[in-house]
Amino acid sequence: MKNILKEERLKRQLTQVQLAEMVNVSRQTIISIEINRYVPSVVLSLKLAKTLGLQIEDIFMLEPSD
């Protein structure tokens, strides 16, 4: 799964700390999601999408299988 969380966060001029506080997670969690090291839960994905005013599928995309 890939995501464009960082791009969407930067469009809104939010820091990683600000976004983390808005969805009640650590800055490290946001970093891990942005670098595709961590796939967030459905609940966290929903919180991130709502906070950014987007749909989940606007942020997270499945990569095609090889």
PDB file of N, CA and C in Angstrom:
ATOM      1  N   MET A   1       0.851  -1.171   0.000  1.00  0.00           N
ATOM      2  CA  MET A   1       0.000   0.000   0.000  1.00  0.00           C
ATOM      3  C   MET A   1       0.896   1.233   0.000  1.00  0.00           C
ATOM      4  N   LYS A   2       0.527   2.198  -0.812  1.00  0.00           N
ATOM      5  CA  LYS A   2       1.255   3.458  -0.793  1.00  0.00           C
ATOM      6  C   LYS A   2       0.303   4.558  -0.352  1.00  0.00           C
ATOM      7  N   ASN A   3       0.869   5.715  -0.046  1.00  0.00           N
ATOM      8  CA  ASN A   3       0.020   6.817   0.406  1.00  0.00           C
ATOM      9  C   ASN A   3       0.624   8.158   0.018  1.00  0.00           C
ATOM     10  N   ILE A   4      -0.232   9.159   0.067  1.00  0.00           N
ATOM     11  CA  ILE A   4       0.217  10.530  -0.211  1.00  0.00           C
ATOM     12  C   ILE A   4      -0.050  11.411   1.013  1.00  0.00           C
ATOM     13  N   LEU A   5       0.082  10.814   2.182  1.00  0.00           N
ATOM     14  CA  LEU A   5      -0.177  11.541   3.426  1.00  0.00           C
ATOM     15  C   LEU A   5       0.724  12.762   3.559  1.00  0.00           C
ATOM     16  N   LYS A   6       2.003  12.607   3.282  1.00  0.00           N
ATOM     17  CA  LYS A   6       2.930  13.724   3.428  1.00  0.00           C
ATOM     18  C   LYS A   6       2.536  14.884   2.524  1.00  0.00           C
ATOM     19  N   GLU A   7       2.221  14.586   1.278  1.00  0.00           N
ATOM     20  CA  GLU A   7       1.835  15.634   0.331  1.00  0.00           C
ATOM     21  C   GLU A   7       0.585  16.374   0.804  1.00  0.00           C
ATOM     22  N   GLU A   8      -0.400  15.615   1.264  1.00  0.00           N
ATOM     23  CA  GLU A   8      -1.649  16.233   1.733  1.00  0.00           C
ATOM     24  C   GLU A   8      -1.418  17.038   3.013  1.00  0.00           C
ATOM     25  N   ARG A   9      -0.566  16.530   3.878  1.00  0.00           N
ATOM     26  CA  ARG A   9      -0.237  17.263   5.110  1.00  0.00           C
ATOM     27  C   ARG A   9       0.443  18.583   4.774  1.00  0.00           C
ATOM     28  N   LEU A  10       1.397  18.532   3.859  1.00  0.00           N
ATOM     29  CA  LEU A  10       2.129  19.754   3.485  1.00  0.00           C
ATOM     30  C   LEU A  10       1.233  20.762   2.776  1.00  0.00           C
ATOM     31  N   LYS A  11       0.284  20.299   1.973  1.00  0.00           N
ATOM     32  CA  LYS A  11      -0.676  21.202   1.308  1.00  0.00           C
ATOM     33  C   LYS A  11      -1.419  22.049   2.343  1.00  0.00           C
ATOM     34  N   ARG A  12      -1.655  21.449   3.490  1.00  0.00           N
ATOM     35  CA  ARG A  12      -2.403  22.130   4.554  1.00  0.00           C
ATOM     36  C   ARG A  12      -1.486  22.828   5.555  1.00  0.00           C
ATOM     37  N   GLN A  13      -0.203  22.836   5.241  1.00  0.00           N
ATOM     38  CA  GLN A  13       0.813  23.494   6.066  1.00  0.00           C
ATOM     39  C   GLN A  13       0.781  22.999   7.509  1.00  0.00           C
ATOM     40  N   LEU A  14       0.648  21.673   7.649  1.00  0.00           N
ATOM     41  CA  LEU A  14       0.663  21.050   8.964  1.00  0.00           C
ATOM     42  C   LEU A  14       2.010  20.373   9.182  1.00  0.00           C
ATOM     43  N   THR A  15       2.512  20.464  10.389  1.00  0.00           N
ATOM     44  CA  THR A  15       3.720  19.707  10.734  1.00  0.00           C
ATOM     45  C   THR A  15       3.304  18.287  11.106  1.00  0.00           C
ATOM     46  N   GLN A  16       4.276  17.407  11.177  1.00  0.00           N
ATOM     47  CA  GLN A  16       3.998  16.045  11.618  1.00  0.00           C
ATOM     48  C   GLN A  16       3.461  16.052  13.042  1.00  0.00           C
ATOM     49  N   VAL A  17       3.995  16.905  13.874  1.00  0.00           N
ATOM     50  CA  VAL A  17       3.536  17.003  15.269  1.00  0.00           C
ATOM     51  C   VAL A  17       2.085  17.470  15.323  1.00  0.00           C
ATOM     52  N   GLN A  18       1.751  18.487  14.533  1.00  0.00           N
ATOM     53  CA  GLN A  18       0.378  18.993  14.543  1.00  0.00           C
ATOM     54  C   GLN A  18      -0.617  17.922  14.106  1.00  0.00           C
ATOM     55  N   LEU A  19      -0.295  17.233  13.008  1.00  0.00           N
ATOM     56  CA  LEU A  19      -1.200  16.191  12.526  1.00  0.00           C
ATOM     57  C   LEU A  19      -1.308  15.064  13.548  1.00  0.00           C
ATOM     58  N   ALA A  20      -0.193  14.677  14.119  1.00  0.00           N
ATOM     59  CA  ALA A  20      -0.200  13.622  15.133  1.00  0.00           C
ATOM     60  C   ALA A  20      -1.111  13.996  16.306  1.00  0.00           C
ATOM     61  N   GLU A  21      -1.016  15.218  16.764  1.00  0.00           N
ATOM     62  CA  GLU A  21      -1.850  15.669  17.880  1.00  0.00           C
ATOM     63  C   GLU A  21      -3.327  15.671  17.494  1.00  0.00           C
ATOM     64  N   MET A  22      -3.614  16.029  16.246  1.00  0.00           N
ATOM     65  CA  MET A  22      -5.003  16.099  15.790  1.00  0.00           C
ATOM     66  C   MET A  22      -5.669  14.721  15.752  1.00  0.00           C
ATOM     67  N   VAL A  23      -4.882  13.677  15.515  1.00  0.00           N
ATOM     68  CA  VAL A  23      -5.442  12.321  15.449  1.00  0.00           C
ATOM     69  C   VAL A  23      -5.026  11.462  16.635  1.00  0.00           C
ATOM     70  N   ASN A  24      -4.377  12.090  17.606  1.00  0.00           N
ATOM     71  CA  ASN A  24      -4.021  11.440  18.869  1.00  0.00           C
ATOM     72  C   ASN A  24      -3.067  10.251  18.702  1.00  0.00           C
ATOM     73  N   VAL A  25      -1.995  10.475  17.930  1.00  0.00           N
ATOM     74  CA  VAL A  25      -0.922   9.479  17.801  1.00  0.00           C
ATOM     75  C   VAL A  25       0.409  10.203  17.982  1.00  0.00           C
ATOM     76  N   SER A  26       1.493   9.449  17.963  1.00  0.00           N
ATOM     77  CA  SER A  26       2.812  10.065  18.099  1.00  0.00           C
ATOM     78  C   SER A  26       3.303  10.586  16.747  1.00  0.00           C
ATOM     79  N   ARG A  27       4.251  11.488  16.811  1.00  0.00           N
ATOM     80  CA  ARG A  27       4.895  11.988  15.597  1.00  0.00           C
ATOM     81  C   ARG A  27       5.548  10.830  14.854  1.00  0.00           C
ATOM     82  N   GLN A  28       6.119   9.900  15.593  1.00  0.00           N
ATOM     83  CA  GLN A  28       6.773   8.745  14.979  1.00  0.00           C
ATOM     84  C   GLN A  28       5.791   7.919  14.153  1.00  0.00           C
ATOM     85  N   THR A  29       4.552   7.827  14.598  1.00  0.00           N
ATOM     86  CA  THR A  29       3.534   7.101  13.833  1.00  0.00           C
ATOM     87  C   THR A  29       3.300   7.777  12.488  1.00  0.00           C
ATOM     88  N   ILE A  30       3.186   9.102  12.496  1.00  0.00           N
ATOM     89  CA  ILE A  30       2.995   9.843  11.244  1.00  0.00           C
ATOM     90  C   ILE A  30       4.191   9.639  10.323  1.00  0.00           C
ATOM     91  N   ILE A  31       5.386   9.721  10.875  1.00  0.00           N
ATOM     92  CA  ILE A  31       6.600   9.501  10.077  1.00  0.00           C
ATOM     93  C   ILE A  31       6.562   8.103   9.450  1.00  0.00           C
ATOM     94  N   SER A  32       6.249   7.105  10.250  1.00  0.00           N
ATOM     95  CA  SER A  32       6.235   5.723   9.763  1.00  0.00           C
ATOM     96  C   SER A  32       5.207   5.515   8.657  1.00  0.00           C
ATOM     97  N   ILE A  33       4.064   6.147   8.781  1.00  0.00           N
ATOM     98  CA  ILE A  33       3.053   6.045   7.721  1.00  0.00           C
ATOM     99  C   ILE A  33       3.563   6.729   6.454  1.00  0.00           C
ATOM    100  N   GLU A  34       4.116   7.927   6.605  1.00  0.00           N
ATOM    101  CA  GLU A  34       4.579   8.692   5.441  1.00  0.00           C
ATOM    102  C   GLU A  34       5.679   7.986   4.661  1.00  0.00           C
ATOM    103  N   ILE A  35       6.524   7.214   5.335  1.00  0.00           N
ATOM    104  CA  ILE A  35       7.604   6.520   4.624  1.00  0.00           C
ATOM    105  C   ILE A  35       7.233   5.064   4.322  1.00  0.00           C
ATOM    106  N   ASN A  36       5.943   4.760   4.441  1.00  0.00           N
ATOM    107  CA  ASN A  36       5.418   3.427   4.115  1.00  0.00           C
ATOM    108  C   ASN A  36       6.025   2.305   4.944  1.00  0.00           C
ATOM    109  N   ARG A  37       6.405   2.609   6.167  1.00  0.00           N
ATOM    110  CA  ARG A  37       6.926   1.590   7.074  1.00  0.00           C
ATOM    111  C   ARG A  37       5.787   0.989   7.909  1.00  0.00           C
ATOM    112  N   TYR A  38       4.677   1.702   8.015  1.00  0.00           N
ATOM    113  CA  TYR A  38       3.567   1.280   8.862  1.00  0.00           C
ATOM    114  C   TYR A  38       2.258   1.504   8.117  1.00  0.00           C
ATOM    115  N   VAL A  39       1.401   0.482   8.104  1.00  0.00           N
ATOM    116  CA  VAL A  39       0.067   0.594   7.523  1.00  0.00           C
ATOM    117  C   VAL A  39      -0.903   0.863   8.672  1.00  0.00           C
ATOM    118  N   PRO A  40      -1.549   2.015   8.664  1.00  0.00           N
ATOM    119  CA  PRO A  40      -2.422   2.362   9.796  1.00  0.00           C
ATOM    120  C   PRO A  40      -3.684   1.513   9.827  1.00  0.00           C
ATOM    121  N   SER A  41      -4.268   1.438  11.013  1.00  0.00           N
ATOM    122  CA  SER A  41      -5.541   0.736  11.183  1.00  0.00           C
ATOM    123  C   SER A  41      -6.636   1.482  10.421  1.00  0.00           C
ATOM    124  N   VAL A  42      -7.759   0.825  10.270  1.00  0.00           N
ATOM    125  CA  VAL A  42      -8.902   1.464   9.616  1.00  0.00           C
ATOM    126  C   VAL A  42      -9.327   2.693  10.414  1.00  0.00           C
ATOM    127  N   VAL A  43      -9.352   2.582  11.722  1.00  0.00           N
ATOM    128  CA  VAL A  43      -9.766   3.704  12.572  1.00  0.00           C
ATOM    129  C   VAL A  43      -8.826   4.897  12.378  1.00  0.00           C
ATOM    130  N   LEU A  44      -7.522   4.657  12.408  1.00  0.00           N
ATOM    131  CA  LEU A  44      -6.569   5.750  12.220  1.00  0.00           C
ATOM    132  C   LEU A  44      -6.665   6.311  10.810  1.00  0.00           C
ATOM    133  N   SER A  45      -6.857   5.460   9.829  1.00  0.00           N
ATOM    134  CA  SER A  45      -7.016   5.928   8.447  1.00  0.00           C
ATOM    135  C   SER A  45      -8.232   6.839   8.323  1.00  0.00           C
ATOM    136  N   LEU A  46      -9.319   6.452   8.964  1.00  0.00           N
ATOM    137  CA  LEU A  46     -10.528   7.278   8.953  1.00  0.00           C
ATOM    138  C   LEU A  46     -10.288   8.631   9.630  1.00  0.00           C
ATOM    139  N   LYS A  47      -9.589   8.610  10.765  1.00  0.00           N
ATOM    140  CA  LYS A  47      -9.282   9.859  11.475  1.00  0.00           C
ATOM    141  C   LYS A  47      -8.418  10.777  10.616  1.00  0.00           C
ATOM    142  N   LEU A  48      -7.401  10.211   9.962  1.00  0.00           N
ATOM    143  CA  LEU A  48      -6.521  11.011   9.111  1.00  0.00           C
ATOM    144  C   LEU A  48      -7.306  11.615   7.945  1.00  0.00           C
ATOM    145  N   ALA A  49      -8.131  10.807   7.304  1.00  0.00           N
ATOM    146  CA  ALA A  49      -8.919  11.290   6.172  1.00  0.00           C
ATOM    147  C   ALA A  49      -9.870  12.406   6.611  1.00  0.00           C
ATOM    148  N   LYS A  50     -10.562  12.193   7.705  1.00  0.00           N
ATOM    149  CA  LYS A  50     -11.514  13.202   8.194  1.00  0.00           C
ATOM    150  C   LYS A  50     -10.787  14.493   8.557  1.00  0.00           C
ATOM    151  N   THR A  51      -9.658  14.371   9.223  1.00  0.00           N
ATOM    152  CA  THR A  51      -8.888  15.538   9.636  1.00  0.00           C
ATOM    153  C   THR A  51      -8.417  16.349   8.431  1.00  0.00           C
ATOM    154  N   LEU A  52      -8.060  15.645   7.354  1.00  0.00           N
ATOM    155  CA  LEU A  52      -7.568  16.324   6.155  1.00  0.00           C
ATOM    156  C   LEU A  52      -8.692  16.676   5.176  1.00  0.00           C
ATOM    157  N   GLY A  53      -9.918  16.305   5.508  1.00  0.00           N
ATOM    158  CA  GLY A  53     -11.061  16.625   4.645  1.00  0.00           C
ATOM    159  C   GLY A  53     -11.084  15.797   3.371  1.00  0.00           C
ATOM    160  N   LEU A  54     -10.619  14.547   3.467  1.00  0.00           N
ATOM    161  CA  LEU A  54     -10.528  13.668   2.304  1.00  0.00           C
ATOM    162  C   LEU A  54     -11.190  12.333   2.589  1.00  0.00           C
ATOM    163  N   GLN A  55     -11.302  11.519   1.548  1.00  0.00           N
ATOM    164  CA  GLN A  55     -11.737  10.133   1.682  1.00  0.00           C
ATOM    165  C   GLN A  55     -10.482   9.279   1.875  1.00  0.00           C
ATOM    166  N   ILE A  56     -10.633   8.139   2.518  1.00  0.00           N
ATOM    167  CA  ILE A  56      -9.479   7.259   2.741  1.00  0.00           C
ATOM    168  C   ILE A  56      -8.768   6.949   1.427  1.00  0.00           C
ATOM    169  N   GLU A  57      -9.556   6.648   0.393  1.00  0.00           N
ATOM    170  CA  GLU A  57      -8.941   6.256  -0.879  1.00  0.00           C
ATOM    171  C   GLU A  57      -8.244   7.413  -1.589  1.00  0.00           C
ATOM    172  N   ASP A  58      -8.453   8.639  -1.115  1.00  0.00           N
ATOM    173  CA  ASP A  58      -7.697   9.782  -1.638  1.00  0.00           C
ATOM    174  C   ASP A  58      -6.272   9.789  -1.092  1.00  0.00           C
ATOM    175  N   ILE A  59      -6.068   9.171   0.053  1.00  0.00           N
ATOM    176  CA  ILE A  59      -4.764   9.168   0.728  1.00  0.00           C
ATOM    177  C   ILE A  59      -4.024   7.841   0.531  1.00  0.00           C
ATOM    178  N   PHE A  60      -4.752   6.741   0.667  1.00  0.00           N
ATOM    179  CA  PHE A  60      -4.133   5.412   0.636  1.00  0.00           C
ATOM    180  C   PHE A  60      -4.552   4.659  -0.616  1.00  0.00           C
ATOM    181  N   MET A  61      -3.570   4.040  -1.293  1.00  0.00           N
ATOM    182  CA  MET A  61      -3.823   3.297  -2.511  1.00  0.00           C
ATOM    183  C   MET A  61      -3.149   1.929  -2.464  1.00  0.00           C
ATOM    184  N   LEU A  62      -3.857   0.930  -2.948  1.00  0.00           N
ATOM    185  CA  LEU A  62      -3.243  -0.386  -3.084  1.00  0.00           C
ATOM    186  C   LEU A  62      -2.336  -0.371  -4.298  1.00  0.00           C
ATOM    187  N   GLU A  63      -1.174  -0.983  -4.159  1.00  0.00           N
ATOM    188  CA  GLU A  63      -0.271  -1.092  -5.295  1.00  0.00           C
ATOM    189  C   GLU A  63      -0.649  -2.332  -6.098  1.00  0.00           C
ATOM    190  N   PRO A  64      -0.563  -2.245  -7.429  1.00  0.00           N
ATOM    191  CA  PRO A  64      -0.897  -3.420  -8.237  1.00  0.00           C
ATOM    192  C   PRO A  64       0.011  -4.608  -7.921  1.00  0.00           C
ATOM    193  N   SER A  65      -0.556  -5.792  -7.945  1.00  0.00           N
ATOM    194  CA  SER A  65       0.234  -7.001  -7.713  1.00  0.00           C
ATOM    195  C   SER A  65       1.108  -7.280  -8.926  1.00  0.00           C
ATOM    196  N   ASP A  66       2.297  -7.811  -8.661  1.00  0.00           N
ATOM    197  CA  ASP A  66       3.202  -8.152  -9.777  1.00  0.00           C
ATOM    198  C   ASP A  66       2.808  -9.472 -10.381  1.00  0.00           C
TER     199      ASP A  66
END
